């Protein structure tokens, strides 16, 4: 009679280790709650979407994650290290698009990207990388334009290019789909999916169901304070 072998119980799959973690992080000013204590965790190669109505505190939560605002409650850590924008380790790891970045009237689009690339010490090839990023976002034909000459949708793509051209382990994006048409939103979804595949951790505030469906691994509903 053949012996039967007991099958070993399958071990539960371990959750990916958090790269960026907000533990019950909240923000209050003069007794007014800007964002309730909220926990957000994102690992390398994954995307967490912050979802909630306008005024719920999504942007404030992203600022806590970026280290540009200190939490009133809870903690925000990058691999166990307190996140602070003044910390060079955090600055090197985290790229954020939270509102319009600084631009200069006398620099063209490609000049801006070359400047950002050079700031992070990536060596030779800054011009080529800048041109490639603009081409990826389908605004390569505008590389010699100045920021004030762009339409609102083109400006949003330029702001995304400024954020994506620099090296980063974590990307924080506040409604990156705003002012983009359907085609450009699809393009953005593919580009962010590529960054995930390369191991970048993403946290995005978004209202766009299609973008959320395309890139989200986890969704955190941010409740108004």
N, C-alpha and C. Protein backbone atom coordinates (compact mmCIF):
# COMPACT_ATOMS: atom_id res chain seq x y z
N UNK A 1 0.85 -1.20 0.00
CA UNK A 1 0.00 0.00 0.00
C UNK A 1 0.88 1.24 0.00
N UNK A 2 0.73 2.14 -0.96
CA UNK A 2 1.62 3.30 -1.04
C UNK A 2 1.40 4.23 0.15
N UNK A 3 2.51 4.77 0.57
CA UNK A 3 2.43 5.72 1.68
C UNK A 3 1.91 7.06 1.18
N UNK A 4 1.08 7.64 2.00
CA UNK A 4 0.60 8.98 1.65
C UNK A 4 1.48 10.00 2.34
N UNK A 5 1.74 11.09 1.67
CA UNK A 5 2.55 12.16 2.23
C UNK A 5 1.65 13.35 2.56
N UNK A 6 1.78 13.81 3.78
CA UNK A 6 1.02 14.99 4.18
C UNK A 6 1.61 16.22 3.52
N UNK A 7 0.76 17.02 2.94
CA UNK A 7 1.23 18.25 2.31
C UNK A 7 1.49 19.31 3.37
N UNK A 8 2.63 19.95 3.24
CA UNK A 8 2.95 21.02 4.18
C UNK A 8 2.02 22.21 3.94
N UNK A 9 1.57 22.78 5.02
CA UNK A 9 0.69 23.95 4.91
C UNK A 9 1.45 25.11 4.26
N UNK A 10 0.80 25.74 3.30
CA UNK A 10 1.44 26.87 2.61
C UNK A 10 1.66 28.02 3.58
N UNK A 11 2.86 28.54 3.55
CA UNK A 11 3.15 29.69 4.40
C UNK A 11 2.55 30.95 3.80
N UNK A 12 1.97 31.78 4.65
CA UNK A 12 1.45 33.04 4.10
C UNK A 12 2.57 33.88 3.54
N UNK A 13 2.29 34.50 2.41
CA UNK A 13 3.31 35.32 1.76
C UNK A 13 3.58 36.57 2.59
N UNK A 14 4.85 36.82 2.87
CA UNK A 14 5.21 37.98 3.69
C UNK A 14 4.95 39.26 2.92
N UNK A 15 4.45 40.26 3.62
CA UNK A 15 4.24 41.57 3.00
C UNK A 15 5.59 42.18 2.65
N UNK A 16 5.68 42.86 1.51
CA UNK A 16 6.95 43.49 1.15
C UNK A 16 7.37 44.50 2.20
N UNK A 17 8.67 44.58 2.43
CA UNK A 17 9.19 45.48 3.45
C UNK A 17 9.01 46.93 3.02
N UNK A 18 8.51 47.74 3.93
CA UNK A 18 8.23 49.14 3.61
C UNK A 18 9.53 49.91 3.38
N UNK A 19 9.56 50.67 2.31
CA UNK A 19 10.66 51.60 2.07
C UNK A 19 10.34 52.94 2.75
N UNK A 20 9.10 53.40 2.55
CA UNK A 20 8.63 54.64 3.17
C UNK A 20 7.40 54.31 4.00
N UNK A 21 7.38 54.77 5.24
CA UNK A 21 6.31 54.40 6.16
C UNK A 21 5.86 55.60 6.99
N UNK A 22 4.58 55.91 6.90
CA UNK A 22 3.95 56.88 7.80
C UNK A 22 3.11 56.09 8.79
N UNK A 23 3.43 56.20 10.05
CA UNK A 23 2.71 55.47 11.10
C UNK A 23 1.84 56.44 11.89
N UNK A 24 0.53 56.36 11.67
CA UNK A 24 -0.43 57.23 12.36
C UNK A 24 0.01 58.69 12.29
N UNK A 25 0.49 59.10 11.12
CA UNK A 25 0.99 60.47 10.94
C UNK A 25 -0.17 61.43 10.68
N UNK A 26 -0.21 62.50 11.44
CA UNK A 26 -1.25 63.51 11.27
C UNK A 26 -0.66 64.90 11.44
N UNK A 27 -1.45 65.90 11.09
CA UNK A 27 -0.98 67.28 11.20
C UNK A 27 -2.11 68.18 11.68
N UNK A 28 -1.80 68.96 12.72
CA UNK A 28 -2.73 69.95 13.24
C UNK A 28 -2.01 71.28 13.38
N UNK A 29 -2.74 72.36 13.17
CA UNK A 29 -2.21 73.71 13.35
C UNK A 29 -3.21 74.51 14.16
N UNK A 30 -2.77 75.01 15.31
CA UNK A 30 -3.64 75.80 16.19
C UNK A 30 -4.95 75.08 16.49
N UNK A 31 -4.84 73.78 16.72
CA UNK A 31 -6.02 72.99 17.08
C UNK A 31 -6.86 72.52 15.92
N UNK A 32 -6.55 72.99 14.71
CA UNK A 32 -7.30 72.56 13.52
C UNK A 32 -6.58 71.40 12.86
N UNK A 33 -7.31 70.32 12.58
CA UNK A 33 -6.71 69.13 11.97
C UNK A 33 -6.64 69.31 10.45
N UNK A 34 -5.43 69.25 9.92
CA UNK A 34 -5.26 69.30 8.46
C UNK A 34 -5.36 67.91 7.86
N UNK A 35 -4.89 66.92 8.57
CA UNK A 35 -5.04 65.52 8.16
C UNK A 35 -5.07 64.66 9.41
N UNK A 36 -6.01 63.74 9.44
CA UNK A 36 -6.14 62.83 10.58
C UNK A 36 -4.94 61.88 10.62
N UNK A 37 -4.63 61.32 11.79
CA UNK A 37 -3.56 60.32 11.85
C UNK A 37 -3.83 59.18 10.86
N UNK A 38 -2.90 58.96 9.97
CA UNK A 38 -3.07 58.02 8.86
C UNK A 38 -1.80 57.19 8.71
N UNK A 39 -1.98 55.92 8.41
CA UNK A 39 -0.84 55.04 8.17
C UNK A 39 -0.74 54.73 6.68
N UNK A 40 0.43 54.96 6.13
CA UNK A 40 0.71 54.71 4.72
C UNK A 40 2.03 53.96 4.63
N UNK A 41 2.03 52.88 3.87
CA UNK A 41 3.25 52.09 3.70
C UNK A 41 3.44 51.78 2.23
N UNK A 42 4.66 51.94 1.74
CA UNK A 42 4.93 51.61 0.34
C UNK A 42 6.31 50.97 0.25
N UNK A 43 6.39 49.90 -0.52
CA UNK A 43 7.63 49.17 -0.72
C UNK A 43 8.20 49.48 -2.10
N UNK A 44 9.44 49.13 -2.30
CA UNK A 44 10.07 49.30 -3.61
C UNK A 44 9.28 48.54 -4.67
N UNK A 45 9.06 49.19 -5.80
CA UNK A 45 8.35 48.55 -6.89
C UNK A 45 6.85 48.45 -6.71
N UNK A 46 6.30 49.22 -5.78
CA UNK A 46 4.86 49.21 -5.55
C UNK A 46 4.32 50.64 -5.52
N UNK A 47 3.00 50.75 -5.67
CA UNK A 47 2.35 52.06 -5.68
C UNK A 47 1.19 52.08 -4.71
N UNK A 48 1.19 53.08 -3.84
CA UNK A 48 0.06 53.34 -2.95
C UNK A 48 -0.63 54.61 -3.41
N UNK A 49 -1.93 54.53 -3.61
CA UNK A 49 -2.71 55.69 -4.02
C UNK A 49 -3.47 56.24 -2.83
N UNK A 50 -3.40 57.56 -2.65
CA UNK A 50 -4.19 58.25 -1.64
C UNK A 50 -5.45 58.76 -2.32
N UNK A 51 -6.58 58.32 -1.79
CA UNK A 51 -7.86 58.66 -2.41
C UNK A 51 -8.72 59.41 -1.39
N UNK A 52 -9.42 60.43 -1.83
CA UNK A 52 -10.28 61.18 -0.92
C UNK A 52 -10.76 62.45 -1.57
N UNK A 53 -11.81 63.02 -1.01
CA UNK A 53 -12.38 64.23 -1.58
C UNK A 53 -11.44 65.41 -1.39
N UNK A 54 -11.66 66.46 -2.15
CA UNK A 54 -10.86 67.67 -2.00
C UNK A 54 -10.97 68.19 -0.57
N UNK A 55 -9.83 68.58 0.00
CA UNK A 55 -9.83 69.08 1.36
C UNK A 55 -9.69 68.01 2.42
N UNK A 56 -9.55 66.75 2.00
CA UNK A 56 -9.45 65.67 2.99
C UNK A 56 -8.07 65.57 3.62
N UNK A 57 -7.07 66.21 3.01
CA UNK A 57 -5.73 66.19 3.59
C UNK A 57 -4.71 65.39 2.80
N UNK A 58 -5.04 65.03 1.56
CA UNK A 58 -4.11 64.21 0.77
C UNK A 58 -2.79 64.95 0.52
N UNK A 59 -2.89 66.22 0.15
CA UNK A 59 -1.67 66.99 -0.12
C UNK A 59 -0.84 67.15 1.14
N UNK A 60 -1.49 67.43 2.26
CA UNK A 60 -0.75 67.54 3.52
C UNK A 60 -0.06 66.23 3.86
N UNK A 61 -0.74 65.12 3.64
CA UNK A 61 -0.14 63.82 3.91
C UNK A 61 1.08 63.58 3.02
N UNK A 62 1.00 63.98 1.76
CA UNK A 62 2.16 63.87 0.87
C UNK A 62 3.32 64.73 1.37
N UNK A 63 3.01 65.91 1.90
CA UNK A 63 4.07 66.76 2.45
C UNK A 63 4.72 66.13 3.67
N UNK A 64 3.94 65.44 4.47
CA UNK A 64 4.52 64.70 5.60
C UNK A 64 5.45 63.61 5.08
N UNK A 65 5.02 62.90 4.04
CA UNK A 65 5.85 61.84 3.46
C UNK A 65 7.12 62.39 2.83
N UNK A 66 7.04 63.61 2.29
CA UNK A 66 8.21 64.23 1.65
C UNK A 66 9.16 64.85 2.66
N UNK A 67 8.69 65.04 3.89
CA UNK A 67 9.54 65.67 4.90
C UNK A 67 9.56 67.18 4.81
N UNK A 68 8.66 67.77 4.00
CA UNK A 68 8.60 69.23 3.93
C UNK A 68 7.76 69.81 5.06
N UNK A 69 6.95 68.97 5.69
CA UNK A 69 6.15 69.33 6.85
C UNK A 69 6.34 68.25 7.91
N UNK A 70 6.53 68.66 9.14
CA UNK A 70 6.72 67.69 10.23
C UNK A 70 5.36 67.28 10.79
N UNK A 71 5.16 66.00 11.08
CA UNK A 71 3.88 65.57 11.63
C UNK A 71 3.68 66.06 13.06
N UNK A 72 2.42 66.33 13.41
CA UNK A 72 2.08 66.66 14.80
C UNK A 72 1.93 65.40 15.63
N UNK A 73 1.50 64.33 14.98
CA UNK A 73 1.37 63.03 15.63
C UNK A 73 1.97 61.97 14.72
N UNK A 74 2.42 60.88 15.33
CA UNK A 74 2.96 59.77 14.55
C UNK A 74 4.35 60.06 14.00
N UNK A 75 4.79 59.18 13.11
CA UNK A 75 6.13 59.28 12.55
C UNK A 75 6.10 59.00 11.05
N UNK A 76 7.12 59.50 10.36
CA UNK A 76 7.34 59.18 8.94
C UNK A 76 8.80 58.79 8.80
N UNK A 77 9.05 57.59 8.27
CA UNK A 77 10.42 57.10 8.19
C UNK A 77 10.74 56.53 6.80
N UNK A 78 11.98 56.67 6.42
CA UNK A 78 12.53 56.07 5.21
C UNK A 78 13.53 55.01 5.65
N UNK A 79 13.13 53.76 5.52
CA UNK A 79 13.95 52.64 6.01
C UNK A 79 14.38 52.88 7.46
N UNK A 80 13.45 53.33 8.28
CA UNK A 80 13.71 53.54 9.69
C UNK A 80 14.30 54.89 10.04
N UNK A 81 14.63 55.69 9.05
CA UNK A 81 15.24 57.00 9.26
C UNK A 81 14.16 58.07 9.18
N UNK A 82 14.11 58.97 10.17
CA UNK A 82 13.10 60.02 10.17
C UNK A 82 13.22 60.87 8.90
N UNK A 83 12.10 61.03 8.21
CA UNK A 83 12.11 61.79 6.96
C UNK A 83 12.14 63.28 7.24
N UNK A 84 13.11 63.96 6.64
CA UNK A 84 13.28 65.40 6.80
C UNK A 84 13.92 65.92 5.52
N UNK A 85 13.30 66.89 4.88
CA UNK A 85 13.84 67.39 3.61
C UNK A 85 15.24 67.98 3.74
N UNK A 86 15.64 68.34 4.97
CA UNK A 86 16.98 68.90 5.18
C UNK A 86 18.04 67.81 5.23
N UNK A 87 17.61 66.56 5.35
CA UNK A 87 18.53 65.43 5.41
C UNK A 87 18.95 65.06 3.98
N UNK A 88 20.24 65.12 3.65
CA UNK A 88 20.66 64.82 2.27
C UNK A 88 20.30 63.40 1.83
N UNK A 89 20.26 62.46 2.76
CA UNK A 89 19.88 61.09 2.41
C UNK A 89 18.42 61.06 1.93
N UNK A 90 17.56 61.76 2.64
CA UNK A 90 16.15 61.81 2.25
C UNK A 90 15.96 62.58 0.95
N UNK A 91 16.67 63.68 0.80
CA UNK A 91 16.56 64.46 -0.45
C UNK A 91 16.98 63.63 -1.65
N UNK A 92 18.03 62.83 -1.48
CA UNK A 92 18.50 62.01 -2.60
C UNK A 92 17.53 60.90 -2.94
N UNK A 93 16.78 60.42 -1.95
CA UNK A 93 15.91 59.27 -2.16
C UNK A 93 14.52 59.65 -2.67
N UNK A 94 14.02 60.82 -2.28
CA UNK A 94 12.62 61.17 -2.51
C UNK A 94 12.50 62.32 -3.51
N UNK A 95 11.75 62.09 -4.58
CA UNK A 95 11.39 63.15 -5.53
C UNK A 95 9.90 63.39 -5.42
N UNK A 96 9.51 64.66 -5.35
CA UNK A 96 8.10 64.97 -5.13
C UNK A 96 7.62 66.06 -6.08
N UNK A 97 6.41 65.89 -6.58
CA UNK A 97 5.73 66.93 -7.35
C UNK A 97 4.49 67.31 -6.55
N UNK A 98 4.63 68.37 -5.76
CA UNK A 98 3.55 68.84 -4.89
C UNK A 98 3.32 70.32 -5.20
N UNK A 99 2.63 70.58 -6.28
CA UNK A 99 2.50 71.95 -6.76
C UNK A 99 3.55 72.24 -7.81
N UNK A 100 3.49 73.43 -8.38
CA UNK A 100 4.40 73.79 -9.47
C UNK A 100 5.82 73.97 -8.96
N UNK A 101 6.79 73.26 -9.55
CA UNK A 101 8.19 73.47 -9.16
C UNK A 101 8.71 74.81 -9.67
N UNK A 102 9.82 75.23 -9.11
CA UNK A 102 10.44 76.50 -9.53
C UNK A 102 10.92 76.41 -10.98
N UNK A 103 10.65 77.45 -11.74
CA UNK A 103 11.16 77.53 -13.11
C UNK A 103 11.67 78.94 -13.37
N UNK A 104 12.41 79.09 -14.46
CA UNK A 104 13.09 80.36 -14.76
C UNK A 104 12.73 80.80 -16.18
N UNK A 105 12.36 82.05 -16.32
CA UNK A 105 11.88 82.56 -17.60
C UNK A 105 12.95 82.52 -18.69
N UNK A 106 14.22 82.59 -18.30
CA UNK A 106 15.28 82.66 -19.31
C UNK A 106 15.92 81.31 -19.59
N UNK A 107 15.34 80.22 -19.07
CA UNK A 107 15.83 78.88 -19.38
C UNK A 107 14.76 78.12 -20.16
N UNK A 108 15.19 77.42 -21.20
CA UNK A 108 14.26 76.59 -21.97
C UNK A 108 13.91 75.33 -21.18
N UNK A 109 12.96 74.56 -21.72
CA UNK A 109 12.58 73.32 -21.05
C UNK A 109 13.77 72.39 -20.91
N UNK A 110 14.51 72.19 -21.99
CA UNK A 110 15.64 71.27 -21.92
C UNK A 110 16.72 71.81 -21.00
N UNK A 111 16.90 73.13 -20.96
CA UNK A 111 17.87 73.72 -20.03
C UNK A 111 17.51 73.37 -18.58
N UNK A 112 16.22 73.46 -18.26
CA UNK A 112 15.77 73.13 -16.90
C UNK A 112 16.12 71.68 -16.54
N UNK A 113 15.83 70.77 -17.47
CA UNK A 113 16.07 69.36 -17.17
C UNK A 113 17.55 69.05 -17.05
N UNK A 114 18.37 69.68 -17.90
CA UNK A 114 19.82 69.49 -17.80
C UNK A 114 20.32 69.99 -16.45
N UNK A 115 19.78 71.12 -16.00
CA UNK A 115 20.17 71.67 -14.70
C UNK A 115 19.82 70.71 -13.57
N UNK A 116 18.61 70.16 -13.61
CA UNK A 116 18.20 69.20 -12.58
C UNK A 116 19.09 67.97 -12.62
N UNK A 117 19.32 67.45 -13.81
CA UNK A 117 20.16 66.26 -13.97
C UNK A 117 21.55 66.51 -13.40
N UNK A 118 22.14 67.65 -13.74
CA UNK A 118 23.49 67.97 -13.27
C UNK A 118 23.53 68.15 -11.76
N UNK A 119 22.45 68.68 -11.19
CA UNK A 119 22.39 68.89 -9.74
C UNK A 119 22.59 67.58 -8.98
N UNK A 120 22.12 66.49 -9.56
CA UNK A 120 22.22 65.19 -8.89
C UNK A 120 23.46 64.41 -9.29
N UNK A 121 24.38 65.07 -9.99
CA UNK A 121 25.69 64.49 -10.24
C UNK A 121 25.68 63.20 -11.04
N UNK A 122 24.86 63.15 -12.08
CA UNK A 122 24.76 61.91 -12.85
C UNK A 122 25.84 61.78 -13.92
N UNK A 123 26.70 62.78 -14.06
CA UNK A 123 27.81 62.67 -15.00
C UNK A 123 27.42 63.01 -16.41
N UNK A 124 28.21 62.49 -17.37
CA UNK A 124 27.98 62.79 -18.78
C UNK A 124 26.62 62.29 -19.25
N UNK A 125 26.11 62.93 -20.27
CA UNK A 125 24.86 62.49 -20.88
C UNK A 125 23.63 63.24 -20.41
N UNK A 126 23.82 64.35 -19.67
CA UNK A 126 22.67 65.09 -19.15
C UNK A 126 21.77 65.60 -20.28
N UNK A 127 22.37 66.12 -21.35
CA UNK A 127 21.58 66.65 -22.47
C UNK A 127 20.74 65.54 -23.08
N UNK A 128 21.35 64.38 -23.29
CA UNK A 128 20.64 63.26 -23.90
C UNK A 128 19.51 62.77 -23.01
N UNK A 129 19.78 62.69 -21.70
CA UNK A 129 18.73 62.23 -20.78
C UNK A 129 17.58 63.23 -20.72
N UNK A 130 17.91 64.51 -20.74
CA UNK A 130 16.87 65.54 -20.72
C UNK A 130 16.00 65.46 -21.97
N UNK A 131 16.64 65.35 -23.12
CA UNK A 131 15.88 65.27 -24.37
C UNK A 131 15.03 64.00 -24.40
N UNK A 132 15.57 62.90 -23.89
CA UNK A 132 14.83 61.64 -23.88
C UNK A 132 13.60 61.73 -22.99
N UNK A 133 13.72 62.38 -21.84
CA UNK A 133 12.57 62.51 -20.94
C UNK A 133 11.48 63.36 -21.57
N UNK A 134 11.86 64.47 -22.20
CA UNK A 134 10.86 65.30 -22.88
C UNK A 134 10.18 64.52 -24.01
N UNK A 135 10.96 63.73 -24.73
CA UNK A 135 10.39 62.93 -25.81
C UNK A 135 9.44 61.87 -25.26
N UNK A 136 9.80 61.25 -24.15
CA UNK A 136 8.95 60.23 -23.53
C UNK A 136 7.58 60.80 -23.18
N UNK A 137 7.56 62.04 -22.72
CA UNK A 137 6.31 62.69 -22.36
C UNK A 137 5.67 63.43 -23.54
N UNK A 138 6.23 63.21 -24.72
CA UNK A 138 5.70 63.73 -25.98
C UNK A 138 5.69 65.26 -26.03
N UNK A 139 6.71 65.86 -25.41
CA UNK A 139 6.88 67.31 -25.54
C UNK A 139 8.31 67.63 -26.01
N UNK A 140 8.94 66.66 -26.67
CA UNK A 140 10.28 66.89 -27.19
C UNK A 140 10.35 68.02 -28.19
N UNK A 141 9.25 68.21 -28.93
CA UNK A 141 9.23 69.30 -29.92
C UNK A 141 9.18 70.68 -29.27
N UNK A 142 8.98 70.70 -27.95
CA UNK A 142 8.92 71.98 -27.22
C UNK A 142 10.18 72.25 -26.43
N UNK A 143 11.23 71.48 -26.65
CA UNK A 143 12.40 71.57 -25.77
C UNK A 143 13.06 72.94 -25.76
N UNK A 144 12.92 73.71 -26.83
CA UNK A 144 13.53 75.04 -26.87
C UNK A 144 12.55 76.16 -26.51
N UNK A 145 11.36 75.77 -26.05
CA UNK A 145 10.41 76.77 -25.57
C UNK A 145 10.75 77.17 -24.13
N UNK A 146 10.17 78.29 -23.70
CA UNK A 146 10.30 78.73 -22.31
C UNK A 146 9.03 78.34 -21.55
N UNK A 147 9.14 78.11 -20.24
CA UNK A 147 7.98 77.62 -19.49
C UNK A 147 6.73 78.50 -19.64
N UNK A 148 6.91 79.82 -19.70
CA UNK A 148 5.74 80.70 -19.77
C UNK A 148 5.05 80.66 -21.14
N UNK A 149 5.64 79.96 -22.09
CA UNK A 149 5.04 79.85 -23.42
C UNK A 149 4.15 78.61 -23.56
N UNK A 150 4.05 77.81 -22.52
CA UNK A 150 3.34 76.54 -22.60
C UNK A 150 1.87 76.68 -22.23
N UNK A 151 1.05 75.78 -22.77
CA UNK A 151 -0.34 75.66 -22.32
C UNK A 151 -0.36 74.99 -20.94
N UNK A 152 -1.51 74.97 -20.30
CA UNK A 152 -1.58 74.38 -18.96
C UNK A 152 -1.25 72.89 -18.97
N UNK A 153 -1.73 72.17 -19.99
CA UNK A 153 -1.41 70.75 -20.09
C UNK A 153 0.06 70.51 -20.36
N UNK A 154 0.65 71.34 -21.22
CA UNK A 154 2.08 71.22 -21.50
C UNK A 154 2.90 71.55 -20.25
N UNK A 155 2.45 72.52 -19.47
CA UNK A 155 3.15 72.84 -18.23
C UNK A 155 3.14 71.66 -17.27
N UNK A 156 2.00 70.96 -17.19
CA UNK A 156 1.94 69.80 -16.30
C UNK A 156 2.91 68.71 -16.75
N UNK A 157 3.02 68.48 -18.04
CA UNK A 157 3.97 67.50 -18.55
C UNK A 157 5.40 67.93 -18.27
N UNK A 158 5.68 69.22 -18.40
CA UNK A 158 7.00 69.76 -18.08
C UNK A 158 7.32 69.56 -16.60
N UNK A 159 6.35 69.82 -15.73
CA UNK A 159 6.56 69.61 -14.29
C UNK A 159 6.83 68.13 -13.99
N UNK A 160 6.12 67.25 -14.66
CA UNK A 160 6.38 65.82 -14.48
C UNK A 160 7.78 65.47 -14.96
N UNK A 161 8.19 66.05 -16.09
CA UNK A 161 9.54 65.78 -16.60
C UNK A 161 10.60 66.22 -15.62
N UNK A 162 10.42 67.40 -15.00
CA UNK A 162 11.37 67.89 -14.01
C UNK A 162 11.50 66.94 -12.83
N UNK A 163 10.39 66.31 -12.46
CA UNK A 163 10.38 65.41 -11.32
C UNK A 163 10.96 64.04 -11.67
N UNK A 164 10.63 63.56 -12.86
CA UNK A 164 11.01 62.20 -13.25
C UNK A 164 12.43 62.09 -13.78
N UNK A 165 13.03 63.21 -14.19
CA UNK A 165 14.36 63.13 -14.80
C UNK A 165 15.45 62.86 -13.77
N UNK A 166 15.20 63.18 -12.52
CA UNK A 166 16.22 63.00 -11.48
C UNK A 166 16.13 61.58 -10.92
N UNK A 167 17.25 61.05 -10.43
CA UNK A 167 17.21 59.73 -9.80
C UNK A 167 16.44 59.80 -8.48
N UNK A 168 15.66 58.77 -8.18
CA UNK A 168 14.90 58.74 -6.93
C UNK A 168 14.46 57.31 -6.65
N UNK A 169 14.43 56.96 -5.39
CA UNK A 169 13.90 55.66 -4.97
C UNK A 169 12.42 55.74 -4.65
N UNK A 170 11.94 56.95 -4.36
CA UNK A 170 10.54 57.18 -4.01
C UNK A 170 10.02 58.35 -4.82
N UNK A 171 8.83 58.20 -5.41
CA UNK A 171 8.16 59.29 -6.12
C UNK A 171 6.86 59.62 -5.41
N UNK A 172 6.67 60.89 -5.08
CA UNK A 172 5.44 61.38 -4.47
C UNK A 172 4.80 62.37 -5.44
N UNK A 173 3.58 62.07 -5.88
CA UNK A 173 2.94 62.87 -6.92
C UNK A 173 1.53 63.26 -6.48
N UNK A 174 1.25 64.56 -6.53
CA UNK A 174 -0.06 65.07 -6.14
C UNK A 174 -0.90 65.33 -7.38
N UNK A 175 -1.87 64.46 -7.61
CA UNK A 175 -2.76 64.54 -8.77
C UNK A 175 -1.98 64.78 -10.07
N UNK A 176 -1.09 63.86 -10.43
CA UNK A 176 -0.26 64.07 -11.62
C UNK A 176 -1.06 64.10 -12.91
N UNK A 177 -2.29 63.61 -12.87
CA UNK A 177 -3.12 63.57 -14.08
C UNK A 177 -3.81 64.89 -14.38
N UNK A 178 -3.72 65.86 -13.48
CA UNK A 178 -4.48 67.10 -13.67
C UNK A 178 -4.05 67.82 -14.95
N UNK A 179 -5.05 68.34 -15.65
CA UNK A 179 -4.89 69.11 -16.90
C UNK A 179 -4.38 68.27 -18.07
N UNK A 180 -4.39 66.95 -17.93
CA UNK A 180 -3.96 66.09 -19.04
C UNK A 180 -5.17 65.47 -19.72
N UNK A 181 -5.10 65.33 -21.05
CA UNK A 181 -6.19 64.67 -21.77
C UNK A 181 -6.07 63.15 -21.61
N UNK A 182 -7.03 62.42 -22.18
CA UNK A 182 -7.08 60.97 -21.99
C UNK A 182 -5.81 60.29 -22.49
N UNK A 183 -5.33 60.70 -23.65
CA UNK A 183 -4.12 60.08 -24.21
C UNK A 183 -2.93 60.29 -23.29
N UNK A 184 -2.76 61.52 -22.80
CA UNK A 184 -1.61 61.81 -21.94
C UNK A 184 -1.75 61.11 -20.59
N UNK A 185 -2.96 60.91 -20.11
CA UNK A 185 -3.16 60.16 -18.87
C UNK A 185 -2.76 58.70 -19.05
N UNK A 186 -3.11 58.14 -20.19
CA UNK A 186 -2.68 56.77 -20.49
C UNK A 186 -1.16 56.69 -20.56
N UNK A 187 -0.55 57.67 -21.19
CA UNK A 187 0.91 57.73 -21.28
C UNK A 187 1.53 57.81 -19.89
N UNK A 188 0.95 58.64 -19.03
CA UNK A 188 1.44 58.77 -17.66
C UNK A 188 1.34 57.44 -16.93
N UNK A 189 0.23 56.74 -17.08
CA UNK A 189 0.06 55.45 -16.43
C UNK A 189 1.12 54.46 -16.85
N UNK A 190 1.44 54.43 -18.14
CA UNK A 190 2.47 53.50 -18.63
C UNK A 190 3.84 53.88 -18.08
N UNK A 191 4.13 55.18 -18.04
CA UNK A 191 5.43 55.63 -17.55
C UNK A 191 5.59 55.31 -16.07
N UNK A 192 4.55 55.53 -15.28
CA UNK A 192 4.63 55.21 -13.85
C UNK A 192 4.73 53.70 -13.64
N UNK A 193 4.04 52.93 -14.48
CA UNK A 193 4.18 51.48 -14.39
C UNK A 193 5.60 51.03 -14.68
N UNK A 194 6.25 51.70 -15.62
CA UNK A 194 7.66 51.40 -15.91
C UNK A 194 8.54 51.72 -14.72
N UNK A 195 8.29 52.86 -14.06
CA UNK A 195 9.09 53.20 -12.89
C UNK A 195 8.90 52.17 -11.77
N UNK A 196 7.67 51.70 -11.61
CA UNK A 196 7.44 50.63 -10.63
C UNK A 196 8.26 49.39 -10.97
N UNK A 197 8.24 49.01 -12.24
CA UNK A 197 8.98 47.82 -12.67
C UNK A 197 10.47 47.96 -12.43
N UNK A 198 10.96 49.19 -12.42
CA UNK A 198 12.39 49.45 -12.17
C UNK A 198 12.71 49.48 -10.68
N UNK A 199 11.66 49.35 -9.83
CA UNK A 199 11.89 49.29 -8.39
C UNK A 199 11.59 50.55 -7.62
N UNK A 200 11.06 51.57 -8.29
CA UNK A 200 10.72 52.81 -7.60
C UNK A 200 9.44 52.62 -6.79
N UNK A 201 9.41 53.18 -5.59
CA UNK A 201 8.19 53.21 -4.78
C UNK A 201 7.41 54.48 -5.10
N UNK A 202 6.10 54.35 -5.29
CA UNK A 202 5.27 55.49 -5.66
C UNK A 202 4.15 55.69 -4.65
N UNK A 203 3.92 56.95 -4.29
CA UNK A 203 2.72 57.34 -3.55
C UNK A 203 2.07 58.47 -4.33
N UNK A 204 0.82 58.28 -4.71
CA UNK A 204 0.14 59.22 -5.60
C UNK A 204 -1.22 59.59 -5.01
N UNK A 205 -1.52 60.87 -4.99
CA UNK A 205 -2.89 61.32 -4.71
C UNK A 205 -3.59 61.48 -6.05
N UNK A 206 -4.75 60.85 -6.20
CA UNK A 206 -5.41 60.87 -7.51
C UNK A 206 -6.91 60.72 -7.36
N UNK A 207 -7.64 61.35 -8.32
CA UNK A 207 -9.09 61.18 -8.44
C UNK A 207 -9.44 60.36 -9.68
N UNK A 208 -8.44 59.98 -10.47
CA UNK A 208 -8.69 59.37 -11.78
C UNK A 208 -8.81 57.85 -11.65
N UNK A 209 -10.02 57.28 -11.84
CA UNK A 209 -10.18 55.83 -11.68
C UNK A 209 -9.29 55.02 -12.62
N UNK A 210 -9.08 55.51 -13.84
CA UNK A 210 -8.26 54.77 -14.80
C UNK A 210 -6.80 54.73 -14.36
N UNK A 211 -6.28 55.86 -13.89
CA UNK A 211 -4.90 55.88 -13.42
C UNK A 211 -4.74 55.01 -12.19
N UNK A 212 -5.71 55.09 -11.28
CA UNK A 212 -5.66 54.25 -10.08
C UNK A 212 -5.65 52.78 -10.46
N UNK A 213 -6.51 52.40 -11.40
CA UNK A 213 -6.57 51.01 -11.85
C UNK A 213 -5.26 50.58 -12.49
N UNK A 214 -4.61 51.50 -13.20
CA UNK A 214 -3.40 51.16 -13.94
C UNK A 214 -2.19 50.96 -13.03
N UNK A 215 -2.09 51.73 -11.94
CA UNK A 215 -0.83 51.72 -11.19
C UNK A 215 -0.94 51.29 -9.74
N UNK A 216 -2.14 51.30 -9.15
CA UNK A 216 -2.24 51.10 -7.70
C UNK A 216 -2.06 49.64 -7.29
N UNK A 217 -1.24 49.42 -6.28
CA UNK A 217 -1.18 48.13 -5.59
C UNK A 217 -1.99 48.20 -4.30
N UNK A 218 -2.02 49.37 -3.70
CA UNK A 218 -2.77 49.60 -2.46
C UNK A 218 -3.44 50.97 -2.55
N UNK A 219 -4.58 51.09 -1.91
CA UNK A 219 -5.31 52.36 -1.87
C UNK A 219 -5.59 52.71 -0.42
N UNK A 220 -5.27 53.95 -0.05
CA UNK A 220 -5.56 54.46 1.29
C UNK A 220 -6.60 55.56 1.14
N UNK A 221 -7.75 55.37 1.77
CA UNK A 221 -8.79 56.39 1.75
C UNK A 221 -8.52 57.40 2.86
N UNK A 222 -8.30 58.64 2.46
CA UNK A 222 -7.99 59.71 3.41
C UNK A 222 -9.31 60.37 3.82
N UNK A 223 -9.61 60.29 5.11
CA UNK A 223 -10.89 60.78 5.64
C UNK A 223 -10.74 62.23 6.05
N UNK A 224 -11.68 63.10 5.65
CA UNK A 224 -11.57 64.51 6.05
C UNK A 224 -11.48 64.67 7.56
N UNK A 225 -10.68 65.64 7.99
CA UNK A 225 -10.50 65.87 9.42
C UNK A 225 -11.75 66.50 10.02
